[in-house]
């Protein structure tokens, strides 16, 4: 009925595959490894309840009123101080804007930077939420292969030489969907290739705090060496996703343009949530809380790895997570993860086939993503056992 009314842009943009899968996985009998959902037991519910009462008493009507587009000053100041402490970043609150989750940050960046046909370099595979967000702005995606240690440097050189992308989007820590992390050496090589290019580098880091090992944090690519870096962060994985609070750290000129775009989108992000998260952060030990999350997720990741070692056929490959929320499985050459999904659903277990993580989503691939953070060890083991049974049927 409305076919002729809809824009070409929205008609050409696929719906989120994961959102569609999550509808299927609402059935209680299904074990889902599909969503990127934090474990609810990791939410600091009691502490947040205390913060709710405190902000209501302290700020009154302010927590229910319209607010500024850039975000709550105290929350932005907390972000500045944390990044100064961890990375020695030379930034002020003028370099920070609060967004409605990292997903809005991607949408705003698309609005600000992408003209029809502009080339955007992404990893292969890449975060499907980014592909969907930038698709709306008619981006021309160029994928660069991801190896175990990070970007394939030779392929990166060819990508830069042949395509001269305007933007590059990377997830250097515990990448979604693969769970891989760029090594320090790889990051240095990536920066050497791109440092003199006329290209904006977006580094999305929702999982960097969730490192299972005691290894030192690995610096961002080109940290403090260029004005053309944009950093994305989020409170969704380390406090709670329901508040939908993320942020962008960038050059002041970029922040100003993002502010203008955000004014047109939603005026400002949920101010109640900003007051709440800010109060929580200033009155609790975030690092201590993160340690609890890491311990929980490490146990769950180990349970999934051990179950895959026990039940999967020996020719199935998978990444062993050192942090984050995902593992990436590679089937035999020629096998279809989409067909496996159909078999798995019949056995009441779900995952995300690899297709939507590539630019060519119609192409049948032999890869799939598993999330381990939203199920206990017993459920993980049972789910992998069911999935291994489905593997024998494709």
Protein backbone atom coordinates (compact mmCIF):
# COMPACT_ATOMS: atom_id res chain seq x y z
CA UNK A 1 0.00 0.00 0.00
CA UNK A 2 2.79 2.45 0.92
CA UNK A 3 5.48 1.12 -1.44
CA UNK A 4 5.66 4.35 -3.46
CA UNK A 5 5.90 6.49 -0.32
CA UNK A 6 8.94 4.89 1.29
CA UNK A 7 12.39 6.27 0.50
CA UNK A 8 14.80 4.30 -1.67
CA UNK A 9 17.20 4.42 1.27
CA UNK A 10 14.95 2.59 3.73
CA UNK A 11 13.74 0.10 1.15
CA UNK A 12 17.34 -0.83 0.35
CA UNK A 13 18.34 -1.28 4.00
CA UNK A 14 17.93 -4.81 5.40
CA UNK A 15 16.34 -5.29 8.81
CA UNK A 16 18.61 -6.40 11.62
CA UNK A 17 19.07 -10.15 11.35
CA UNK A 18 19.73 -10.42 15.07
CA UNK A 19 16.55 -8.52 15.97
CA UNK A 20 14.60 -10.97 13.81
CA UNK A 21 16.34 -13.94 15.45
CA UNK A 22 15.59 -12.59 18.93
CA UNK A 23 11.89 -12.78 18.14
CA UNK A 24 12.31 -16.51 17.50
CA UNK A 25 14.38 -17.06 20.62
CA UNK A 26 11.73 -15.71 23.00
CA UNK A 27 10.36 -19.23 23.32
CA UNK A 28 11.41 -20.56 26.75
CA UNK A 29 12.54 -23.93 25.37
CA UNK A 30 15.16 -22.34 23.07
CA UNK A 31 18.75 -21.97 24.25
CA UNK A 32 19.98 -18.81 22.59
CA UNK A 33 23.58 -17.98 21.77
CA UNK A 34 22.31 -15.37 19.29
CA UNK A 35 22.11 -12.02 21.06
CA UNK A 36 24.99 -9.96 22.37
CA UNK A 37 23.27 -9.71 25.73
CA UNK A 38 25.10 -9.02 28.99
CA UNK A 39 24.21 -11.39 31.81
CA UNK A 40 21.50 -9.78 33.99
CA UNK A 41 23.20 -11.02 37.15
CA UNK A 42 26.05 -8.63 36.32
CA UNK A 43 23.81 -5.55 36.65
CA UNK A 44 24.48 -3.57 39.87
CA UNK A 45 20.80 -3.39 40.70
CA UNK A 46 21.04 -2.54 44.40
CA UNK A 47 23.63 0.17 43.83
CA UNK A 48 21.54 1.65 41.01
CA UNK A 49 18.48 1.65 43.28
CA UNK A 50 20.42 3.68 45.83
CA UNK A 51 21.52 6.07 43.08
CA UNK A 52 17.93 6.47 41.89
CA UNK A 53 16.80 7.62 45.31
CA UNK A 54 19.83 9.87 45.71
CA UNK A 55 19.39 11.70 42.38
CA UNK A 56 15.67 12.13 43.05
CA UNK A 57 16.45 13.75 46.41
CA UNK A 58 19.40 15.80 45.19
CA UNK A 59 18.28 17.02 41.77
CA UNK A 60 14.48 16.91 41.93
CA UNK A 61 12.76 18.06 38.73
CA UNK A 62 16.07 18.32 36.80
CA UNK A 63 16.16 14.57 36.24
CA UNK A 64 12.78 14.74 34.48
CA UNK A 65 13.38 17.89 32.40
CA UNK A 66 14.82 18.53 28.93
CA UNK A 67 18.59 18.85 28.92
CA UNK A 68 21.56 19.77 26.72
CA UNK A 69 22.43 17.84 23.57
CA UNK A 70 26.06 17.19 24.45
CA UNK A 71 25.09 15.41 27.66
CA UNK A 72 25.39 15.79 31.41
CA UNK A 73 28.62 17.59 32.32
CA UNK A 74 29.41 15.34 35.29
CA UNK A 75 29.13 12.21 33.14
CA UNK A 76 31.31 13.70 30.41
CA UNK A 77 33.85 14.76 33.03
CA UNK A 78 33.96 11.20 34.39
CA UNK A 79 34.70 9.88 30.88
CA UNK A 80 37.44 12.48 30.39
CA UNK A 81 39.12 11.60 33.70
CA UNK A 82 38.93 7.86 33.04
CA UNK A 83 40.49 8.16 29.59
CA UNK A 84 43.17 10.50 30.95
CA UNK A 85 43.98 8.00 33.69
CA UNK A 86 44.05 4.93 31.43
CA UNK A 87 45.41 6.38 28.17
CA UNK A 88 46.85 9.77 29.13
CA UNK A 89 44.53 11.39 26.58
CA UNK A 90 44.74 15.15 26.24
CA UNK A 91 40.99 15.81 26.17
CA UNK A 92 38.32 17.94 27.86
CA UNK A 93 34.55 17.59 28.01
CA UNK A 94 34.45 19.55 24.74
CA UNK A 95 35.80 16.37 23.13
CA UNK A 96 32.92 14.23 24.43
CA UNK A 97 29.26 13.82 23.46
CA UNK A 98 26.82 11.41 25.13
CA UNK A 99 24.78 9.27 22.73
CA UNK A 100 21.85 6.90 22.98
CA UNK A 101 24.10 3.85 22.98
CA UNK A 102 26.98 3.30 20.57
CA UNK A 103 24.44 2.52 17.90
CA UNK A 104 23.28 6.13 17.79
CA UNK A 105 26.90 7.21 17.62
CA UNK A 106 27.24 5.19 14.41
CA UNK A 107 24.08 6.74 13.00
CA UNK A 108 25.26 10.26 13.81
CA UNK A 109 28.67 9.61 12.25
CA UNK A 110 26.89 8.38 9.13
CA UNK A 111 24.85 11.59 9.00
CA UNK A 112 27.85 13.82 9.52
CA UNK A 113 30.37 12.18 7.19
CA UNK A 114 28.79 10.01 4.50
CA UNK A 115 27.64 11.27 1.15
CA UNK A 116 26.09 8.84 -1.32
CA UNK A 117 28.74 6.45 -2.58
CA UNK A 118 31.46 7.45 -0.11
CA UNK A 119 33.80 4.55 0.56
CA UNK A 120 33.97 3.10 4.06
CA UNK A 121 36.53 0.45 4.97
CA UNK A 122 35.34 -2.22 7.39
CA UNK A 123 36.72 -5.48 8.69
CA UNK A 124 35.72 -8.76 7.10
CA UNK A 125 33.64 -9.82 8.98
CA UNK A 126 32.31 -6.67 10.66
CA UNK A 127 29.66 -5.58 13.16
CA UNK A 128 26.29 -5.92 11.46
CA UNK A 129 24.85 -2.92 13.32
CA UNK A 130 27.44 -0.71 11.64
CA UNK A 131 26.66 -2.16 8.22
CA UNK A 132 22.97 -1.46 8.73
CA UNK A 133 23.54 2.07 10.09
CA UNK A 134 25.87 3.20 7.29
CA UNK A 135 23.79 1.43 4.64
CA UNK A 136 21.08 4.03 5.33
CA UNK A 137 23.47 6.72 4.11
CA UNK A 138 24.37 4.86 0.90
CA UNK A 139 27.91 4.04 1.94
CA UNK A 140 30.09 2.00 -0.40
CA UNK A 141 31.65 -0.65 1.86
CA UNK A 142 35.14 -1.99 1.23
CA UNK A 143 35.99 -5.01 3.37
CA UNK A 144 39.53 -5.85 4.51
CA UNK A 145 40.33 -9.34 5.75
CA UNK A 146 40.73 -9.92 9.47
CA UNK A 147 43.46 -12.34 10.58
CA UNK A 148 44.10 -13.80 14.03
CA UNK A 149 46.38 -10.87 14.94
CA UNK A 150 44.27 -8.09 13.42
CA UNK A 151 43.90 -6.57 9.95
CA UNK A 152 45.68 -8.24 7.03
CA UNK A 153 48.34 -5.60 6.37
CA UNK A 154 48.97 -6.43 2.71
CA UNK A 155 45.26 -6.37 1.95
CA UNK A 156 44.97 -3.11 3.91
CA UNK A 157 47.66 -1.54 1.72
CA UNK A 158 45.78 -2.59 -1.42
CA UNK A 159 42.48 -1.30 -0.01
CA UNK A 160 43.99 2.09 0.76
CA UNK A 161 45.80 2.33 -2.60
CA UNK A 162 42.89 1.20 -4.77
CA UNK A 163 39.92 2.73 -2.96
CA UNK A 164 41.08 5.67 -0.82
CA UNK A 165 38.24 5.23 1.72
CA UNK A 166 36.88 8.29 3.48
CA UNK A 167 36.22 6.42 6.72
CA UNK A 168 37.51 3.24 8.33
CA UNK A 169 35.57 1.42 11.06
CA UNK A 170 37.45 -1.03 13.29
CA UNK A 171 36.76 -2.92 16.52
CA UNK A 172 40.29 -3.57 17.83
CA UNK A 173 39.35 -5.24 21.14
CA UNK A 174 37.45 -8.57 21.27
CA UNK A 175 35.90 -7.82 17.92
CA UNK A 176 32.24 -8.42 17.17
CA UNK A 177 31.65 -10.99 15.71
CA UNK A 178 34.96 -12.88 15.91
CA UNK A 179 36.11 -12.12 19.45
CA UNK A 180 39.63 -11.41 18.11
CA UNK A 181 41.91 -8.63 19.37
CA UNK A 182 44.49 -6.74 17.33
CA UNK A 183 48.00 -7.27 18.68
CA UNK A 184 50.16 -4.27 19.55
CA UNK A 185 52.40 -5.03 16.58
CA UNK A 186 49.45 -5.19 14.21
CA UNK A 187 48.10 -1.88 15.51
CA UNK A 188 51.45 -0.23 14.88
CA UNK A 189 51.53 -1.59 11.33
CA UNK A 190 47.94 -0.46 10.67
CA UNK A 191 48.81 3.06 11.80
CA UNK A 192 51.91 3.17 9.62
CA UNK A 193 49.76 2.34 6.59
CA UNK A 194 46.99 4.86 7.30
CA UNK A 195 48.72 7.72 9.15
CA UNK A 196 49.29 9.89 6.07
CA UNK A 197 45.96 9.06 4.42
CA UNK A 198 43.08 11.50 4.26
CA UNK A 199 40.82 9.16 6.21
CA UNK A 200 38.86 9.27 9.47
CA UNK A 201 39.48 6.23 11.71
CA UNK A 202 36.59 5.10 13.92
CA UNK A 203 37.57 2.73 16.73
CA UNK A 204 34.57 1.14 18.43
CA UNK A 205 35.38 -0.29 21.86
CA UNK A 206 32.37 -1.64 23.77
CA UNK A 207 34.26 -4.74 24.96
CA UNK A 208 37.76 -3.50 25.80
CA UNK A 209 37.16 -3.48 29.56
CA UNK A 210 36.18 -7.16 29.51
CA UNK A 211 39.69 -8.65 29.29
CA UNK A 212 39.93 -12.05 31.01
CA UNK A 213 43.72 -12.09 31.35
CA UNK A 214 46.05 -9.88 33.38
CA UNK A 215 47.80 -8.65 30.24
CA UNK A 216 48.31 -4.93 29.90
CA UNK A 217 45.72 -2.97 27.95
CA UNK A 218 46.76 -2.49 24.34
CA UNK A 219 46.66 1.17 23.19
CA UNK A 220 44.30 2.24 20.44
CA UNK A 221 45.61 2.57 16.91
CA UNK A 222 47.42 5.92 16.61
CA UNK A 223 46.54 6.86 20.17
CA UNK A 224 47.29 10.57 20.76
CA UNK A 225 49.04 10.78 17.38
CA UNK A 226 46.28 12.09 15.13
CA UNK A 227 43.26 14.38 15.19
CA UNK A 228 41.45 12.07 12.78
CA UNK A 229 40.64 9.38 15.36
CA UNK A 230 37.09 8.90 16.64
CA UNK A 231 36.63 6.69 19.71
CA UNK A 232 33.32 5.08 20.65
CA UNK A 233 32.55 3.79 24.14
CA UNK A 234 29.55 2.48 26.01
CA UNK A 235 28.21 1.77 29.49
CA UNK A 236 26.04 -1.06 28.15
CA UNK A 237 28.53 -3.87 28.75
CA UNK A 238 29.99 -2.65 32.05
CA UNK A 239 26.96 -1.19 33.87
CA UNK A 240 23.61 -1.78 32.15
CA UNK A 241 22.42 -1.74 28.51
CA UNK A 242 18.86 -0.65 29.28
CA UNK A 243 19.87 2.96 29.94
CA UNK A 244 21.16 3.14 26.33
CA UNK A 245 24.13 5.36 27.11
CA UNK A 246 27.23 5.53 24.95
CA UNK A 247 29.65 8.27 24.01
CA UNK A 248 31.97 9.62 21.34
CA UNK A 249 35.43 11.07 21.95
CA UNK A 250 36.75 13.11 19.05
CA UNK A 251 38.16 16.41 17.83
CA UNK A 252 36.06 19.40 18.96
CA UNK A 253 35.12 20.23 15.37
CA UNK A 254 33.75 16.72 14.89
CA UNK A 255 31.88 16.84 18.20
CA UNK A 256 30.24 20.10 17.13
CA UNK A 257 28.92 18.49 13.94
CA UNK A 258 27.73 15.42 15.87
CA UNK A 259 25.92 17.75 18.26
CA UNK A 260 24.07 19.37 15.35
CA UNK A 261 23.12 15.96 13.95
CA UNK A 262 21.95 14.79 17.38
CA UNK A 263 19.81 17.88 17.86
CA UNK A 264 17.90 16.81 14.77
CA UNK A 265 17.67 13.20 15.96
CA UNK A 266 16.52 13.29 19.58
CA UNK A 267 17.53 16.62 21.18
CA UNK A 268 19.41 14.72 23.90
CA UNK A 269 19.84 11.23 25.35
CA UNK A 270 17.79 10.06 28.35
CA UNK A 271 18.72 12.56 31.05
CA UNK A 272 17.37 10.44 33.91
CA UNK A 273 19.70 7.65 32.81
CA UNK A 274 22.62 10.08 32.60
CA UNK A 275 22.07 11.34 36.14
CA UNK A 276 21.67 7.76 37.34
CA UNK A 277 24.80 6.37 35.67
CA UNK A 278 26.83 9.42 36.68
CA UNK A 279 25.82 9.05 40.33
CA UNK A 280 26.59 5.31 40.23
CA UNK A 281 30.03 5.90 38.74
CA UNK A 282 31.01 8.58 41.28
CA UNK A 283 29.80 6.59 44.28
CA UNK A 284 30.99 3.08 43.42
CA UNK A 285 34.21 1.34 42.35
CA UNK A 286 33.67 0.67 38.64
CA UNK A 287 36.88 -1.34 38.25
CA UNK A 288 35.88 -3.64 41.12
CA UNK A 289 32.50 -4.15 39.45
CA UNK A 290 34.16 -4.88 36.10
CA UNK A 291 36.36 -7.52 37.77
CA UNK A 292 33.20 -9.37 38.83
CA UNK A 293 31.85 -9.27 35.28
CA UNK A 294 35.14 -10.52 33.84
CA UNK A 295 35.25 -13.42 36.30
CA UNK A 296 31.69 -14.40 35.37
CA UNK A 297 32.24 -14.15 31.61
CA UNK A 298 35.56 -15.98 31.75
CA UNK A 299 33.81 -18.91 33.45
CA UNK A 300 31.07 -18.90 30.81
CA UNK A 301 33.56 -18.61 27.94
CA UNK A 302 35.57 -21.52 29.31
CA UNK A 303 32.40 -23.60 29.61
CA UNK A 304 31.59 -22.98 25.94
CA UNK A 305 35.14 -23.74 24.77
CA UNK A 306 35.29 -26.98 26.76
CA UNK A 307 31.88 -28.05 25.46
CA UNK A 308 32.92 -27.35 21.86
CA UNK A 309 36.13 -29.33 22.35
CA UNK A 310 34.11 -32.24 23.72
CA UNK A 311 31.13 -32.30 21.35
CA UNK A 312 32.07 -30.59 18.08
CA UNK A 313 33.61 -32.60 15.24
CA UNK A 314 37.39 -32.17 15.20
CA UNK A 315 37.36 -30.34 11.85
CA UNK A 316 35.34 -27.44 13.29
CA UNK A 317 37.46 -24.40 14.16
CA UNK A 318 36.62 -21.75 16.73
CA UNK A 319 38.27 -18.79 18.44
CA UNK A 320 39.20 -19.12 22.10
CA UNK A 321 38.04 -15.86 23.74
CA UNK A 322 40.44 -13.85 25.87
CA UNK A 323 37.73 -11.33 26.63
CA UNK A 324 34.50 -9.85 25.32
CA UNK A 325 31.30 -11.74 24.64
CA UNK A 326 31.69 -13.88 21.52
CA UNK A 327 33.39 -16.79 19.84
CA UNK A 328 33.53 -17.32 16.07
CA UNK A 329 33.05 -20.77 14.59
CA UNK A 330 34.24 -21.90 11.16
CA UNK A 331 32.67 -24.98 9.62
CA UNK A 332 34.14 -27.19 6.92
CA UNK A 333 34.61 -25.53 3.55
CA UNK A 334 31.37 -25.69 1.60
CA UNK A 335 29.14 -26.07 4.65
CA UNK A 336 26.38 -23.52 5.21
CA UNK A 337 25.83 -21.85 8.59
CA UNK A 338 22.40 -20.70 7.37
CA UNK A 339 21.37 -24.31 6.78
CA UNK A 340 22.85 -25.22 10.16
CA UNK A 341 20.67 -22.53 11.74
CA UNK A 342 17.52 -24.18 10.37
CA UNK A 343 18.61 -27.54 11.78
CA UNK A 344 19.61 -26.00 15.11
CA UNK A 345 16.31 -24.19 15.64
CA UNK A 346 14.52 -27.52 15.33
CA UNK A 347 16.68 -28.69 18.22
CA UNK A 348 15.83 -25.54 20.19
CA UNK A 349 19.21 -23.85 20.02
CA UNK A 350 19.96 -20.57 18.22
CA UNK A 351 23.01 -18.64 17.01
CA UNK A 352 23.78 -16.02 14.37
CA UNK A 353 24.90 -17.34 10.95
CA UNK A 354 27.87 -15.48 9.51
CA UNK A 355 26.07 -13.98 6.50
CA UNK A 356 24.93 -10.62 7.99
CA UNK A 357 28.47 -9.81 9.18
CA UNK A 358 29.68 -9.47 5.59
CA UNK A 359 28.87 -6.81 3.02
CA UNK A 360 27.43 -9.41 0.66
CA UNK A 361 24.78 -10.76 3.03
CA UNK A 362 23.26 -12.97 0.34
CA UNK A 363 26.45 -15.00 0.06
CA UNK A 364 26.28 -18.34 1.86
CA UNK A 365 29.15 -18.67 4.34
CA UNK A 366 30.53 -21.35 6.65
CA UNK A 367 30.98 -19.13 9.71
CA UNK A 368 28.76 -18.32 12.70
CA UNK A 369 28.80 -16.31 15.93
CA UNK A 370 28.11 -17.67 19.40
CA UNK A 371 27.46 -15.53 22.48
CA UNK A 372 28.27 -17.07 25.87
CA UNK A 373 27.46 -14.28 28.33
CA UNK A 374 23.72 -14.74 28.72
CA UNK A 375 23.55 -18.39 29.82
CA UNK A 376 24.88 -20.39 32.76
CA UNK A 377 27.45 -23.15 32.39
CA UNK A 378 24.92 -25.99 32.41
CA UNK A 379 22.80 -24.31 29.75
CA UNK A 380 25.86 -23.55 27.62
CA UNK A 381 26.94 -27.19 27.70
CA UNK A 382 23.47 -28.41 26.75
CA UNK A 383 23.20 -25.85 23.96
CA UNK A 384 26.55 -26.84 22.44
CA UNK A 385 25.55 -30.49 22.68
CA UNK A 386 22.36 -29.75 20.71
CA UNK A 387 24.32 -27.70 18.18
CA UNK A 388 26.78 -30.55 17.68
CA UNK A 389 23.84 -32.84 16.87
CA UNK A 390 22.65 -30.32 14.27
CA UNK A 391 26.16 -30.23 12.78
CA UNK A 392 25.87 -33.92 11.90
CA UNK A 393 22.78 -33.19 9.79
CA UNK A 394 24.23 -30.68 7.32
